[in-house]
N, C-alpha and C. Protein backbone atom coordinates (compact mmCIF):
# COMPACT_ATOMS: atom_id res chain seq x y z
N UNK A 1 19.72 19.25 288.87
CA UNK A 1 19.60 19.09 290.32
C UNK A 1 18.68 20.18 290.84
N UNK A 2 17.70 19.79 291.60
CA UNK A 2 16.76 20.78 292.12
C UNK A 2 17.14 21.22 293.53
N UNK A 3 16.67 22.40 293.88
CA UNK A 3 16.86 22.92 295.24
C UNK A 3 15.69 22.46 296.08
N UNK A 4 15.86 22.52 297.39
CA UNK A 4 14.83 22.07 298.31
C UNK A 4 14.25 23.28 299.03
N UNK A 5 12.95 23.45 298.97
CA UNK A 5 12.28 24.61 299.56
C UNK A 5 12.04 24.38 301.05
N UNK A 6 12.38 25.37 301.85
CA UNK A 6 12.10 25.32 303.28
C UNK A 6 10.73 25.93 303.54
N UNK A 7 9.78 25.08 303.83
CA UNK A 7 8.43 25.57 304.12
C UNK A 7 8.36 26.23 305.49
N UNK A 8 9.31 25.93 306.36
CA UNK A 8 9.35 26.59 307.66
C UNK A 8 9.68 28.08 307.48
N UNK A 9 10.62 28.37 306.60
CA UNK A 9 10.95 29.78 306.31
C UNK A 9 9.76 30.48 305.68
N UNK A 10 9.10 29.82 304.76
CA UNK A 10 7.93 30.40 304.12
C UNK A 10 6.85 30.71 305.16
N UNK A 11 6.59 29.79 306.06
CA UNK A 11 5.58 30.00 307.10
C UNK A 11 6.00 31.14 308.03
N UNK A 12 7.27 31.21 308.34
CA UNK A 12 7.76 32.29 309.20
C UNK A 12 7.56 33.65 308.54
N UNK A 13 7.82 33.73 307.25
CA UNK A 13 7.73 35.01 306.54
C UNK A 13 6.31 35.37 306.11
N UNK A 14 5.53 34.37 305.66
CA UNK A 14 4.21 34.65 305.09
C UNK A 14 3.04 34.07 305.88
N UNK A 15 3.34 33.25 306.88
CA UNK A 15 2.28 32.69 307.70
C UNK A 15 1.96 31.25 307.36
N UNK A 16 1.28 30.60 308.29
CA UNK A 16 0.93 29.19 308.14
C UNK A 16 -0.02 28.93 306.96
N UNK A 17 -0.97 29.82 306.65
CA UNK A 17 -1.83 29.56 305.48
C UNK A 17 -1.03 29.44 304.17
N UNK A 18 0.04 30.22 304.05
CA UNK A 18 0.88 30.13 302.85
C UNK A 18 1.56 28.77 302.76
N UNK A 19 2.07 28.28 303.89
CA UNK A 19 2.72 26.97 303.91
C UNK A 19 1.72 25.88 303.54
N UNK A 20 0.52 25.96 304.08
CA UNK A 20 -0.50 24.95 303.79
C UNK A 20 -0.93 24.99 302.32
N UNK A 21 -0.97 26.18 301.75
CA UNK A 21 -1.34 26.30 300.33
C UNK A 21 -0.29 25.63 299.44
N UNK A 22 0.99 25.87 299.75
CA UNK A 22 2.06 25.26 298.96
C UNK A 22 2.03 23.74 299.13
N UNK A 23 1.86 23.27 300.36
CA UNK A 23 1.77 21.82 300.60
C UNK A 23 0.62 21.20 299.82
N UNK A 24 -0.53 21.85 299.83
CA UNK A 24 -1.71 21.32 299.14
C UNK A 24 -1.52 21.27 297.64
N UNK A 25 -0.85 22.27 297.07
CA UNK A 25 -0.70 22.35 295.62
C UNK A 25 0.54 21.64 295.08
N UNK A 26 1.62 21.64 295.85
CA UNK A 26 2.89 21.16 295.29
C UNK A 26 3.65 20.22 296.22
N UNK A 27 3.06 19.79 297.32
CA UNK A 27 3.76 18.90 298.26
C UNK A 27 4.29 17.65 297.59
N UNK A 28 5.59 17.40 297.75
CA UNK A 28 6.23 16.23 297.16
C UNK A 28 6.56 16.37 295.68
N UNK A 29 6.36 17.56 295.11
CA UNK A 29 6.57 17.78 293.68
C UNK A 29 7.66 18.82 293.44
N UNK A 30 8.02 18.99 292.18
CA UNK A 30 8.98 20.01 291.76
C UNK A 30 8.25 21.06 290.92
N UNK A 31 8.74 22.29 291.00
CA UNK A 31 8.23 23.38 290.19
C UNK A 31 9.39 24.24 289.74
N UNK A 32 9.28 24.78 288.53
CA UNK A 32 10.25 25.76 288.05
C UNK A 32 9.83 27.12 288.62
N UNK A 33 10.78 27.82 289.20
CA UNK A 33 10.52 29.14 289.78
C UNK A 33 11.14 30.19 288.86
N UNK A 34 10.32 31.07 288.28
CA UNK A 34 10.85 32.08 287.36
C UNK A 34 11.54 33.23 288.10
N UNK A 35 12.22 34.05 287.34
CA UNK A 35 12.81 35.27 287.88
C UNK A 35 11.68 36.22 288.28
N UNK A 36 11.94 37.14 289.23
CA UNK A 36 10.88 38.03 289.72
C UNK A 36 10.14 38.78 288.62
N UNK A 37 10.83 39.23 287.59
CA UNK A 37 10.17 39.98 286.53
C UNK A 37 9.21 39.12 285.69
N UNK A 38 9.37 37.79 285.77
CA UNK A 38 8.51 36.88 285.01
C UNK A 38 7.40 36.24 285.85
N UNK A 39 7.32 36.61 287.13
CA UNK A 39 6.32 36.01 288.01
C UNK A 39 4.88 36.33 287.61
N UNK A 40 4.54 37.59 287.24
CA UNK A 40 3.13 37.90 287.00
C UNK A 40 2.39 36.97 286.04
N UNK A 41 2.97 36.54 284.96
CA UNK A 41 2.28 35.65 284.01
C UNK A 41 2.64 34.19 284.17
N UNK A 42 3.29 33.83 285.26
CA UNK A 42 3.81 32.47 285.41
C UNK A 42 2.77 31.51 286.00
N UNK A 43 2.99 30.21 285.78
CA UNK A 43 2.11 29.20 286.38
C UNK A 43 2.13 29.24 287.91
N UNK A 44 3.30 29.53 288.53
CA UNK A 44 3.31 29.54 290.00
C UNK A 44 2.52 30.72 290.55
N UNK A 45 2.44 31.80 289.81
CA UNK A 45 1.63 32.94 290.24
C UNK A 45 0.16 32.54 290.28
N UNK A 46 -0.27 31.80 289.27
CA UNK A 46 -1.66 31.33 289.24
C UNK A 46 -1.91 30.26 290.31
N UNK A 47 -0.93 29.41 290.52
CA UNK A 47 -1.10 28.30 291.45
C UNK A 47 -1.06 28.74 292.91
N UNK A 48 -0.10 29.61 293.25
CA UNK A 48 0.12 29.98 294.65
C UNK A 48 -0.36 31.38 295.01
N UNK A 49 -0.53 32.23 294.01
CA UNK A 49 -0.85 33.63 294.27
C UNK A 49 0.42 34.47 294.24
N UNK A 50 0.27 35.78 294.04
CA UNK A 50 1.45 36.64 293.83
C UNK A 50 2.38 36.73 295.02
N UNK A 51 1.85 36.75 296.25
CA UNK A 51 2.73 36.91 297.42
C UNK A 51 3.67 35.72 297.56
N UNK A 52 3.15 34.52 297.47
CA UNK A 52 3.97 33.31 297.58
C UNK A 52 4.90 33.20 296.39
N UNK A 53 4.39 33.46 295.19
CA UNK A 53 5.21 33.36 293.98
C UNK A 53 6.40 34.31 294.04
N UNK A 54 6.18 35.53 294.50
CA UNK A 54 7.29 36.49 294.60
C UNK A 54 8.28 36.08 295.69
N UNK A 55 7.77 35.53 296.78
CA UNK A 55 8.65 35.05 297.85
C UNK A 55 9.55 33.93 297.32
N UNK A 56 8.95 32.99 296.60
CA UNK A 56 9.73 31.88 296.02
C UNK A 56 10.74 32.40 295.02
N UNK A 57 10.33 33.33 294.18
CA UNK A 57 11.21 33.88 293.16
C UNK A 57 12.40 34.62 293.76
N UNK A 58 12.17 35.31 294.86
CA UNK A 58 13.27 36.03 295.53
C UNK A 58 14.36 35.08 296.03
N UNK A 59 13.99 33.84 296.32
CA UNK A 59 14.96 32.88 296.86
C UNK A 59 15.46 31.87 295.84
N UNK A 60 14.61 31.49 294.90
CA UNK A 60 14.94 30.38 294.01
C UNK A 60 14.81 30.73 292.53
N UNK A 61 15.00 31.98 292.17
CA UNK A 61 14.79 32.42 290.78
C UNK A 61 15.55 31.55 289.79
N UNK A 62 14.87 31.18 288.74
CA UNK A 62 15.42 30.40 287.63
C UNK A 62 15.95 29.04 288.07
N UNK A 63 15.26 28.44 289.02
CA UNK A 63 15.68 27.13 289.52
C UNK A 63 14.49 26.18 289.60
N UNK A 64 14.79 24.91 289.53
CA UNK A 64 13.80 23.86 289.76
C UNK A 64 13.81 23.62 291.27
N UNK A 65 12.64 23.70 291.91
CA UNK A 65 12.55 23.59 293.36
C UNK A 65 11.69 22.39 293.73
N UNK A 66 12.17 21.62 294.68
CA UNK A 66 11.44 20.48 295.21
C UNK A 66 10.75 20.90 296.50
N UNK A 67 9.47 20.63 296.57
CA UNK A 67 8.69 20.97 297.76
C UNK A 67 8.50 19.72 298.60
N UNK A 68 8.73 19.81 299.89
CA UNK A 68 8.55 18.62 300.73
C UNK A 68 7.09 18.22 300.80
N UNK A 69 6.86 16.95 301.03
CA UNK A 69 5.50 16.47 301.21
C UNK A 69 5.11 16.61 302.67
N UNK A 70 3.85 16.57 302.95
CA UNK A 70 3.41 16.64 304.34
C UNK A 70 3.90 15.41 305.10
N UNK A 71 3.96 14.29 304.44
CA UNK A 71 4.48 13.06 305.06
C UNK A 71 5.95 13.22 305.42
N UNK A 72 6.74 13.81 304.52
CA UNK A 72 8.17 14.01 304.79
C UNK A 72 8.37 14.93 305.98
N UNK A 73 7.54 15.94 306.08
CA UNK A 73 7.64 16.86 307.22
C UNK A 73 7.42 16.10 308.52
N UNK A 74 6.44 15.21 308.53
CA UNK A 74 6.16 14.41 309.72
C UNK A 74 7.35 13.49 310.04
N UNK A 75 7.90 12.87 309.03
CA UNK A 75 9.06 11.98 309.23
C UNK A 75 10.25 12.77 309.79
N UNK A 76 10.52 13.93 309.22
CA UNK A 76 11.62 14.77 309.70
C UNK A 76 11.42 15.20 311.15
N UNK A 77 10.19 15.56 311.49
CA UNK A 77 9.88 15.98 312.86
C UNK A 77 10.05 14.83 313.84
N UNK A 78 9.61 13.63 313.46
CA UNK A 78 9.78 12.46 314.33
C UNK A 78 11.26 12.14 314.53
N UNK A 79 12.06 12.27 313.47
CA UNK A 79 13.50 12.02 313.58
C UNK A 79 14.14 13.03 314.53
N UNK A 80 13.71 14.29 314.43
CA UNK A 80 14.24 15.32 315.31
C UNK A 80 13.86 15.03 316.76
N UNK A 81 12.61 14.66 317.00
CA UNK A 81 12.16 14.35 318.35
C UNK A 81 12.88 13.13 318.92
N UNK A 82 13.17 12.15 318.07
CA UNK A 82 13.92 10.97 318.51
C UNK A 82 15.32 11.36 318.95
N UNK A 83 16.00 12.19 318.17
CA UNK A 83 17.34 12.65 318.55
C UNK A 83 17.31 13.42 319.87
N UNK A 84 16.30 14.25 320.03
CA UNK A 84 16.16 15.01 321.28
C UNK A 84 15.96 14.06 322.46
N UNK A 85 15.12 13.04 322.29
CA UNK A 85 14.89 12.07 323.36
C UNK A 85 16.17 11.33 323.73
N UNK A 86 16.95 10.96 322.73
CA UNK A 86 18.22 10.26 322.98
C UNK A 86 19.18 11.19 323.71
N UNK A 87 19.27 12.44 323.27
CA UNK A 87 20.16 13.39 323.94
C UNK A 87 19.70 13.67 325.37
N UNK A 88 18.40 13.84 325.57
CA UNK A 88 17.88 14.10 326.91
C UNK A 88 18.15 12.93 327.85
N UNK A 89 18.11 11.72 327.32
CA UNK A 89 18.37 10.53 328.15
C UNK A 89 19.85 10.43 328.51
N UNK A 90 20.71 11.06 327.71
CA UNK A 90 22.15 11.01 327.98
C UNK A 90 22.84 10.06 327.03
N UNK A 91 24.07 10.41 326.68
CA UNK A 91 24.82 9.60 325.72
C UNK A 91 25.72 8.58 326.40
N UNK A 92 26.34 8.94 327.52
CA UNK A 92 27.29 8.03 328.15
C UNK A 92 26.67 7.25 329.31
N UNK A 93 25.90 7.89 330.15
CA UNK A 93 25.21 7.22 331.25
C UNK A 93 23.71 7.53 331.13
N UNK A 94 23.04 6.88 330.20
CA UNK A 94 21.65 7.23 329.92
C UNK A 94 20.72 7.04 331.12
N UNK A 95 19.77 7.96 331.25
CA UNK A 95 18.77 7.86 332.30
C UNK A 95 17.57 7.03 331.85
N UNK A 96 17.46 6.80 330.54
CA UNK A 96 16.40 5.95 329.97
C UNK A 96 17.06 4.88 329.12
N UNK A 97 16.48 3.70 329.13
CA UNK A 97 17.07 2.61 328.35
C UNK A 97 16.76 2.78 326.87
N UNK A 98 17.59 2.16 326.06
CA UNK A 98 17.35 2.14 324.62
C UNK A 98 16.02 1.47 324.31
N UNK A 99 15.66 0.46 325.10
CA UNK A 99 14.38 -0.23 324.92
C UNK A 99 13.20 0.73 325.11
N UNK A 100 13.26 1.56 326.14
CA UNK A 100 12.18 2.52 326.41
C UNK A 100 12.01 3.50 325.26
N UNK A 101 13.13 4.06 324.80
CA UNK A 101 13.08 5.06 323.72
C UNK A 101 12.62 4.40 322.42
N UNK A 102 13.15 3.22 322.13
CA UNK A 102 12.76 2.50 320.91
C UNK A 102 11.27 2.20 320.91
N UNK A 103 10.75 1.79 322.05
CA UNK A 103 9.33 1.49 322.15
C UNK A 103 8.48 2.75 321.95
N UNK A 104 8.90 3.85 322.54
CA UNK A 104 8.15 5.10 322.42
C UNK A 104 8.08 5.60 320.98
N UNK A 105 9.18 5.44 320.23
CA UNK A 105 9.25 6.01 318.88
C UNK A 105 9.03 4.98 317.77
N UNK A 106 8.85 3.72 318.13
CA UNK A 106 8.59 2.71 317.11
C UNK A 106 9.79 2.40 316.24
N UNK A 107 10.98 2.45 316.84
CA UNK A 107 12.21 2.10 316.13
C UNK A 107 12.89 0.97 316.89
N UNK A 108 14.01 0.51 316.35
CA UNK A 108 14.73 -0.59 317.00
C UNK A 108 15.75 -0.06 318.00
N UNK A 109 16.12 -0.93 318.90
CA UNK A 109 17.19 -0.61 319.85
C UNK A 109 18.48 -0.32 319.08
N UNK A 110 18.68 -1.04 318.01
CA UNK A 110 19.87 -0.82 317.18
C UNK A 110 19.92 0.62 316.68
N UNK A 111 18.77 1.16 316.26
CA UNK A 111 18.73 2.54 315.79
C UNK A 111 19.06 3.52 316.91
N UNK A 112 18.58 3.25 318.12
CA UNK A 112 18.89 4.12 319.27
C UNK A 112 20.40 4.10 319.52
N UNK A 113 21.00 2.94 319.45
CA UNK A 113 22.45 2.84 319.66
C UNK A 113 23.22 3.59 318.56
N UNK A 114 22.74 3.49 317.32
CA UNK A 114 23.38 4.24 316.22
C UNK A 114 23.31 5.74 316.48
N UNK A 115 22.15 6.20 316.90
CA UNK A 115 22.00 7.64 317.17
C UNK A 115 22.90 8.07 318.32
N UNK A 116 22.97 7.27 319.37
CA UNK A 116 23.87 7.60 320.49
C UNK A 116 25.31 7.69 320.01
N UNK A 117 25.71 6.76 319.17
CA UNK A 117 27.08 6.77 318.65
C UNK A 117 27.32 8.00 317.79
N UNK A 118 26.39 8.31 316.87
CA UNK A 118 26.54 9.48 316.01
C UNK A 118 26.62 10.77 316.82
N UNK A 119 25.73 10.90 317.80
CA UNK A 119 25.73 12.11 318.61
C UNK A 119 26.97 12.18 319.49
N UNK A 120 27.42 11.04 319.98
CA UNK A 120 28.65 11.00 320.78
C UNK A 120 29.87 11.42 319.97
N UNK A 121 29.95 10.95 318.73
CA UNK A 121 31.07 11.34 317.86
C UNK A 121 31.01 12.82 317.53
N UNK A 122 29.82 13.32 317.28
CA UNK A 122 29.65 14.75 317.01
C UNK A 122 30.07 15.57 318.22
N UNK A 123 29.69 15.13 319.41
CA UNK A 123 30.05 15.83 320.64
C UNK A 123 31.56 15.84 320.85
N UNK A 124 32.22 14.72 320.54
CA UNK A 124 33.68 14.65 320.67
C UNK A 124 34.37 15.62 319.73
N UNK A 125 33.87 15.70 318.49
CA UNK A 125 34.47 16.61 317.52
C UNK A 125 34.32 18.06 317.95
N UNK A 126 33.18 18.38 318.54
CA UNK A 126 32.94 19.75 318.99
C UNK A 126 33.81 20.12 320.17
N UNK A 127 34.10 19.15 321.04
CA UNK A 127 34.86 19.46 322.25
C UNK A 127 36.37 19.36 322.06
N UNK A 128 36.83 18.92 320.89
CA UNK A 128 38.26 18.86 320.62
C UNK A 128 38.82 20.27 320.52
N UNK A 129 39.92 20.54 321.21
CA UNK A 129 40.51 21.87 321.08
C UNK A 129 41.14 22.04 319.69
N UNK A 130 41.12 23.25 319.21
CA UNK A 130 41.72 23.55 317.92
C UNK A 130 43.23 23.39 318.02
N UNK A 131 43.87 22.90 316.95
CA UNK A 131 45.33 22.75 317.00
C UNK A 131 45.99 24.12 317.12
N UNK A 132 47.08 24.13 317.85
CA UNK A 132 47.83 25.38 318.01
C UNK A 132 48.66 25.67 316.77
N UNK A 133 48.79 26.93 316.40
CA UNK A 133 49.62 27.26 315.24
C UNK A 133 51.09 26.96 315.52
N UNK A 134 51.82 26.60 314.50
CA UNK A 134 53.24 26.31 314.65
C UNK A 134 54.06 27.57 314.83
N UNK A 135 53.63 28.64 314.25
CA UNK A 135 54.37 29.89 314.31
C UNK A 135 53.48 31.01 314.79
N UNK A 136 54.04 31.93 315.52
CA UNK A 136 53.31 33.13 315.95
C UNK A 136 53.10 34.03 314.73
N UNK A 137 51.95 34.60 314.64
CA UNK A 137 51.68 35.50 313.52
C UNK A 137 51.72 36.93 313.97
């Protein structure tokens, strides 16, 4: 089982050029990440350069890592924006119709209703008070 690399963390720590380099070389692929002491002669050191290779090794040493593709990043961002649009419109008394949101994002009304239901259930779970203890401690 491989781990999933967060390119957002990499960009935050090393900058956008580092994220773009990893996407260009390994987007959508897996790579073995060596332990820090083995980075200098490793394939990832040659492929990404020492700064990126050491950053990866510090987080994923001795693991197989899956790098997201640029397409997957776009899909994830669109899904996040869709959820935000649904939340902004409101879950119980929406200010925008499901048709409007579906048309804007290129999804079905059914998907908008599913998201409203999922977010509504999540909201209910968060607002439930914690059960009271049976005995005083």
